[in-house]
């Protein structure tokens, strides 16, 4: 599945953590935008690895 992830996080530590997780799964396009082509398993891994506060918005 192809997903686009964007985020607007002011806290440097949290933003850096999310960036580090996502760069392992997709292509960094702009400051806070990634394009990811993920298998269902990888998608689950991303959700599991992201901090809870970021995950709560992942499923809309």
PDB file of N, CA and C in Angstrom:
ATOM      1  N   UNK A   1       0.839  -1.171   0.000  1.00  0.00           N
ATOM      2  CA  UNK A   1       0.000   0.000   0.000  1.00  0.00           C
ATOM      3  C   UNK A   1       0.887   1.237   0.000  1.00  0.00           C
ATOM      4  N   UNK A   2       0.459   2.203  -0.757  1.00  0.00           N
ATOM      5  CA  UNK A   2       1.207   3.452  -0.857  1.00  0.00           C
ATOM      6  C   UNK A   2       0.560   4.477   0.072  1.00  0.00           C
ATOM      7  N   UNK A   3       1.354   5.050   0.972  1.00  0.00           N
ATOM      8  CA  UNK A   3       0.834   6.058   1.881  1.00  0.00           C
ATOM      9  C   UNK A   3       1.746   7.278   1.881  1.00  0.00           C
ATOM     10  N   UNK A   4       1.149   8.412   2.151  1.00  0.00           N
ATOM     11  CA  UNK A   4       1.892   9.653   2.345  1.00  0.00           C
ATOM     12  C   UNK A   4       1.719  10.034   3.802  1.00  0.00           C
ATOM     13  N   UNK A   5       2.825  10.287   4.465  1.00  0.00           N
ATOM     14  CA  UNK A   5       2.803  10.664   5.875  1.00  0.00           C
ATOM     15  C   UNK A   5       3.290  12.097   5.992  1.00  0.00           C
ATOM     16  N   UNK A   6       2.505  12.908   6.668  1.00  0.00           N
ATOM     17  CA  UNK A   6       2.939  14.278   6.933  1.00  0.00           C
ATOM     18  C   UNK A   6       2.691  14.568   8.405  1.00  0.00           C
ATOM     19  N   UNK A   7       3.491  15.437   8.960  1.00  0.00           N
ATOM     20  CA  UNK A   7       3.351  15.760  10.372  1.00  0.00           C
ATOM     21  C   UNK A   7       3.811  17.180  10.623  1.00  0.00           C
ATOM     22  N   UNK A   8       3.260  17.769  11.659  1.00  0.00           N
ATOM     23  CA  UNK A   8       3.600  19.120  12.087  1.00  0.00           C
ATOM     24  C   UNK A   8       3.809  19.062  13.599  1.00  0.00           C
ATOM     25  N   UNK A   9       5.045  18.880  14.010  1.00  0.00           N
ATOM     26  CA  UNK A   9       5.380  18.678  15.416  1.00  0.00           C
ATOM     27  C   UNK A   9       6.419  19.711  15.817  1.00  0.00           C
ATOM     28  N   UNK A  10       6.114  20.477  16.850  1.00  0.00           N
ATOM     29  CA  UNK A  10       7.025  21.548  17.251  1.00  0.00           C
ATOM     30  C   UNK A  10       8.153  21.050  18.168  1.00  0.00           C
ATOM     31  N   UNK A  11       7.940  19.961  18.872  1.00  0.00           N
ATOM     32  CA  UNK A  11       8.944  19.445  19.808  1.00  0.00           C
ATOM     33  C   UNK A  11      10.055  18.712  19.042  1.00  0.00           C
ATOM     34  N   UNK A  12      11.274  19.232  19.140  1.00  0.00           N
ATOM     35  CA  UNK A  12      12.401  18.695  18.368  1.00  0.00           C
ATOM     36  C   UNK A  12      12.644  17.210  18.609  1.00  0.00           C
ATOM     37  N   UNK A  13      12.636  16.775  19.854  1.00  0.00           N
ATOM     38  CA  UNK A  13      12.949  15.383  20.172  1.00  0.00           C
ATOM     39  C   UNK A  13      11.923  14.436  19.544  1.00  0.00           C
ATOM     40  N   UNK A  14      10.654  14.757  19.659  1.00  0.00           N
ATOM     41  CA  UNK A  14       9.600  13.910  19.097  1.00  0.00           C
ATOM     42  C   UNK A  14       9.657  13.928  17.566  1.00  0.00           C
ATOM     43  N   UNK A  15       9.860  15.096  16.982  1.00  0.00           N
ATOM     44  CA  UNK A  15       9.936  15.212  15.524  1.00  0.00           C
ATOM     45  C   UNK A  15      11.111  14.393  14.985  1.00  0.00           C
ATOM     46  N   UNK A  16      12.257  14.447  15.660  1.00  0.00           N
ATOM     47  CA  UNK A  16      13.434  13.684  15.243  1.00  0.00           C
ATOM     48  C   UNK A  16      13.169  12.183  15.323  1.00  0.00           C
ATOM     49  N   UNK A  17      12.484  11.746  16.364  1.00  0.00           N
ATOM     50  CA  UNK A  17      12.161  10.327  16.527  1.00  0.00           C
ATOM     51  C   UNK A  17      11.266   9.850  15.381  1.00  0.00           C
ATOM     52  N   UNK A  18      10.242  10.614  15.063  1.00  0.00           N
ATOM     53  CA  UNK A  18       9.327  10.231  13.996  1.00  0.00           C
ATOM     54  C   UNK A  18      10.050  10.218  12.651  1.00  0.00           C
ATOM     55  N   UNK A  19      10.889  11.217  12.418  1.00  0.00           N
ATOM     56  CA  UNK A  19      11.672  11.266  11.175  1.00  0.00           C
ATOM     57  C   UNK A  19      12.562  10.025  11.063  1.00  0.00           C
ATOM     58  N   UNK A  20      13.206   9.654  12.154  1.00  0.00           N
ATOM     59  CA  UNK A  20      14.105   8.487  12.152  1.00  0.00           C
ATOM     60  C   UNK A  20      13.350   7.203  11.840  1.00  0.00           C
ATOM     61  N   UNK A  21      12.161   7.052  12.407  1.00  0.00           N
ATOM     62  CA  UNK A  21      11.362   5.854  12.140  1.00  0.00           C
ATOM     63  C   UNK A  21      10.952   5.817  10.668  1.00  0.00           C
ATOM     64  N   UNK A  22      10.433   6.921  10.165  1.00  0.00           N
ATOM     65  CA  UNK A  22       9.895   6.932   8.808  1.00  0.00           C
ATOM     66  C   UNK A  22      10.961   6.802   7.725  1.00  0.00           C
ATOM     67  N   UNK A  23      12.167   7.300   7.979  1.00  0.00           N
ATOM     68  CA  UNK A  23      13.182   7.194   6.935  1.00  0.00           C
ATOM     69  C   UNK A  23      13.604   5.746   6.701  1.00  0.00           C
ATOM     70  N   UNK A  24      13.305   4.863   7.648  1.00  0.00           N
ATOM     71  CA  UNK A  24      13.562   3.441   7.464  1.00  0.00           C
ATOM     72  C   UNK A  24      12.509   2.751   6.614  1.00  0.00           C
ATOM     73  N   UNK A  25      11.412   3.432   6.334  1.00  0.00           N
ATOM     74  CA  UNK A  25      10.298   2.825   5.605  1.00  0.00           C
ATOM     75  C   UNK A  25       9.917   3.537   4.324  1.00  0.00           C
ATOM     76  N   UNK A  26      10.415   4.747   4.116  1.00  0.00           N
ATOM     77  CA  UNK A  26       9.980   5.469   2.933  1.00  0.00           C
ATOM     78  C   UNK A  26      10.966   6.528   2.490  1.00  0.00           C
ATOM     79  N   UNK A  27      10.544   7.273   1.499  1.00  0.00           N
ATOM     80  CA  UNK A  27      11.363   8.327   0.900  1.00  0.00           C
ATOM     81  C   UNK A  27      10.979   9.677   1.502  1.00  0.00           C
ATOM     82  N   UNK A  28      11.959  10.385   2.014  1.00  0.00           N
ATOM     83  CA  UNK A  28      11.754  11.722   2.562  1.00  0.00           C
ATOM     84  C   UNK A  28      11.577  12.687   1.405  1.00  0.00           C
ATOM     85  N   UNK A  29      10.422  13.358   1.339  1.00  0.00           N
ATOM     86  CA  UNK A  29      10.110  14.221   0.210  1.00  0.00           C
ATOM     87  C   UNK A  29      10.320  15.703   0.532  1.00  0.00           C
ATOM     88  N   UNK A  30       9.853  16.133   1.695  1.00  0.00           N
ATOM     89  CA  UNK A  30      10.014  17.501   2.150  1.00  0.00           C
ATOM     90  C   UNK A  30      10.277  17.449   3.639  1.00  0.00           C
ATOM     91  N   UNK A  31      10.315  18.606   4.276  1.00  0.00           N
ATOM     92  CA  UNK A  31      10.677  18.661   5.695  1.00  0.00           C
ATOM     93  C   UNK A  31       9.928  17.649   6.545  1.00  0.00           C
ATOM     94  N   UNK A  32       8.644  17.581   6.443  1.00  0.00           N
ATOM     95  CA  UNK A  32       7.858  16.673   7.277  1.00  0.00           C
ATOM     96  C   UNK A  32       6.898  15.829   6.442  1.00  0.00           C
ATOM     97  N   UNK A  33       7.358  15.383   5.290  1.00  0.00           N
ATOM     98  CA  UNK A  33       6.532  14.571   4.397  1.00  0.00           C
ATOM     99  C   UNK A  33       7.342  13.377   3.898  1.00  0.00           C
ATOM    100  N   UNK A  34       6.751  12.184   4.026  1.00  0.00           N
ATOM    101  CA  UNK A  34       7.356  10.956   3.530  1.00  0.00           C
ATOM    102  C   UNK A  34       6.379  10.242   2.621  1.00  0.00           C
ATOM    103  N   UNK A  35       6.901   9.594   1.594  1.00  0.00           N
ATOM    104  CA  UNK A  35       6.128   8.668   0.776  1.00  0.00           C
ATOM    105  C   UNK A  35       6.620   7.261   1.103  1.00  0.00           C
ATOM    106  N   UNK A  36       5.680   6.392   1.396  1.00  0.00           N
ATOM    107  CA  UNK A  36       6.042   5.030   1.798  1.00  0.00           C
ATOM    108  C   UNK A  36       5.222   4.026   1.002  1.00  0.00           C
ATOM    109  N   UNK A  37       5.881   3.024   0.464  1.00  0.00           N
ATOM    110  CA  UNK A  37       5.218   1.905  -0.202  1.00  0.00           C
ATOM    111  C   UNK A  37       5.418   0.700   0.711  1.00  0.00           C
ATOM    112  N   UNK A  38       4.392   0.364   1.472  1.00  0.00           N
ATOM    113  CA  UNK A  38       4.522  -0.602   2.560  1.00  0.00           C
ATOM    114  C   UNK A  38       3.674  -1.845   2.339  1.00  0.00           C
ATOM    115  N   UNK A  39       4.175  -2.954   2.833  1.00  0.00           N
ATOM    116  CA  UNK A  39       3.347  -4.147   2.946  1.00  0.00           C
ATOM    117  C   UNK A  39       2.476  -3.964   4.195  1.00  0.00           C
ATOM    118  N   UNK A  40       1.427  -4.750   4.344  1.00  0.00           N
ATOM    119  CA  UNK A  40       0.627  -4.653   5.569  1.00  0.00           C
ATOM    120  C   UNK A  40       1.456  -4.887   6.841  1.00  0.00           C
ATOM    121  N   UNK A  41       2.427  -5.775   6.757  1.00  0.00           N
ATOM    122  CA  UNK A  41       3.296  -6.038   7.912  1.00  0.00           C
ATOM    123  C   UNK A  41       4.152  -4.817   8.242  1.00  0.00           C
ATOM    124  N   UNK A  42       4.726  -4.199   7.220  1.00  0.00           N
ATOM    125  CA  UNK A  42       5.530  -2.990   7.451  1.00  0.00           C
ATOM    126  C   UNK A  42       4.676  -1.866   8.020  1.00  0.00           C
ATOM    127  N   UNK A  43       3.450  -1.727   7.537  1.00  0.00           N
ATOM    128  CA  UNK A  43       2.548  -0.702   8.049  1.00  0.00           C
ATOM    129  C   UNK A  43       2.314  -0.914   9.547  1.00  0.00           C
ATOM    130  N   UNK A  44       2.085  -2.158   9.933  1.00  0.00           N
ATOM    131  CA  UNK A  44       1.931  -2.482  11.353  1.00  0.00           C
ATOM    132  C   UNK A  44       3.187  -2.167  12.144  1.00  0.00           C
ATOM    133  N   UNK A  45       4.342  -2.446  11.564  1.00  0.00           N
ATOM    134  CA  UNK A  45       5.610  -2.144  12.231  1.00  0.00           C
ATOM    135  C   UNK A  45       5.776  -0.645  12.455  1.00  0.00           C
ATOM    136  N   UNK A  46       5.425   0.149  11.440  1.00  0.00           N
ATOM    137  CA  UNK A  46       5.532   1.601  11.570  1.00  0.00           C
ATOM    138  C   UNK A  46       4.627   2.085  12.694  1.00  0.00           C
ATOM    139  N   UNK A  47       3.384   1.621  12.708  1.00  0.00           N
ATOM    140  CA  UNK A  47       2.453   2.059  13.745  1.00  0.00           C
ATOM    141  C   UNK A  47       2.924   1.646  15.132  1.00  0.00           C
ATOM    142  N   UNK A  48       3.515   0.470  15.222  1.00  0.00           N
ATOM    143  CA  UNK A  48       4.004  -0.015  16.512  1.00  0.00           C
ATOM    144  C   UNK A  48       5.211   0.794  16.992  1.00  0.00           C
ATOM    145  N   UNK A  49       6.042   1.247  16.065  1.00  0.00           N
ATOM    146  CA  UNK A  49       7.285   1.933  16.409  1.00  0.00           C
ATOM    147  C   UNK A  49       7.080   3.411  16.717  1.00  0.00           C
ATOM    148  N   UNK A  50       6.097   4.034  16.078  1.00  0.00           N
ATOM    149  CA  UNK A  50       5.865   5.460  16.318  1.00  0.00           C
ATOM    150  C   UNK A  50       5.407   5.704  17.751  1.00  0.00           C
ATOM    151  N   UNK A  51       5.749   6.866  18.297  1.00  0.00           N
ATOM    152  CA  UNK A  51       5.242   7.213  19.633  1.00  0.00           C
ATOM    153  C   UNK A  51       3.714   7.188  19.633  1.00  0.00           C
ATOM    154  N   UNK A  52       3.135   6.857  20.770  1.00  0.00           N
ATOM    155  CA  UNK A  52       1.675   6.722  20.878  1.00  0.00           C
ATOM    156  C   UNK A  52       0.941   7.964  20.382  1.00  0.00           C
ATOM    157  N   UNK A  53       1.438   9.132  20.714  1.00  0.00           N
ATOM    158  CA  UNK A  53       0.741  10.357  20.332  1.00  0.00           C
ATOM    159  C   UNK A  53       0.659  10.519  18.816  1.00  0.00           C
ATOM    160  N   UNK A  54       1.588   9.935  18.070  1.00  0.00           N
ATOM    161  CA  UNK A  54       1.532   9.986  16.610  1.00  0.00           C
ATOM    162  C   UNK A  54       0.602   8.891  16.077  1.00  0.00           C
ATOM    163  N   UNK A  55       0.599   7.737  16.688  1.00  0.00           N
ATOM    164  CA  UNK A  55      -0.222   6.608  16.221  1.00  0.00           C
ATOM    165  C   UNK A  55      -1.706   6.887  16.302  1.00  0.00           C
ATOM    166  N   UNK A  56      -2.142   7.657  17.264  1.00  0.00           N
ATOM    167  CA  UNK A  56      -3.582   7.812  17.465  1.00  0.00           C
ATOM    168  C   UNK A  56      -4.272   8.476  16.278  1.00  0.00           C
ATOM    169  N   UNK A  57      -3.502   9.145  15.414  1.00  0.00           N
ATOM    170  CA  UNK A  57      -4.079   9.774  14.238  1.00  0.00           C
ATOM    171  C   UNK A  57      -3.921   8.944  12.976  1.00  0.00           C
ATOM    172  N   UNK A  58      -3.244   7.827  13.044  1.00  0.00           N
ATOM    173  CA  UNK A  58      -2.889   7.064  11.849  1.00  0.00           C
ATOM    174  C   UNK A  58      -4.103   6.435  11.156  1.00  0.00           C
ATOM    175  N   UNK A  59      -5.116   6.098  11.887  1.00  0.00           N
ATOM    176  CA  UNK A  59      -6.263   5.440  11.281  1.00  0.00           C
ATOM    177  C   UNK A  59      -7.439   6.367  11.061  1.00  0.00           C
ATOM    178  N   UNK A  60      -7.192   7.664  11.118  1.00  0.00           N
ATOM    179  CA  UNK A  60      -8.211   8.664  10.815  1.00  0.00           C
ATOM    180  C   UNK A  60      -9.165   8.810  11.925  1.00  0.00           C
TER     181      UNK A  60
END
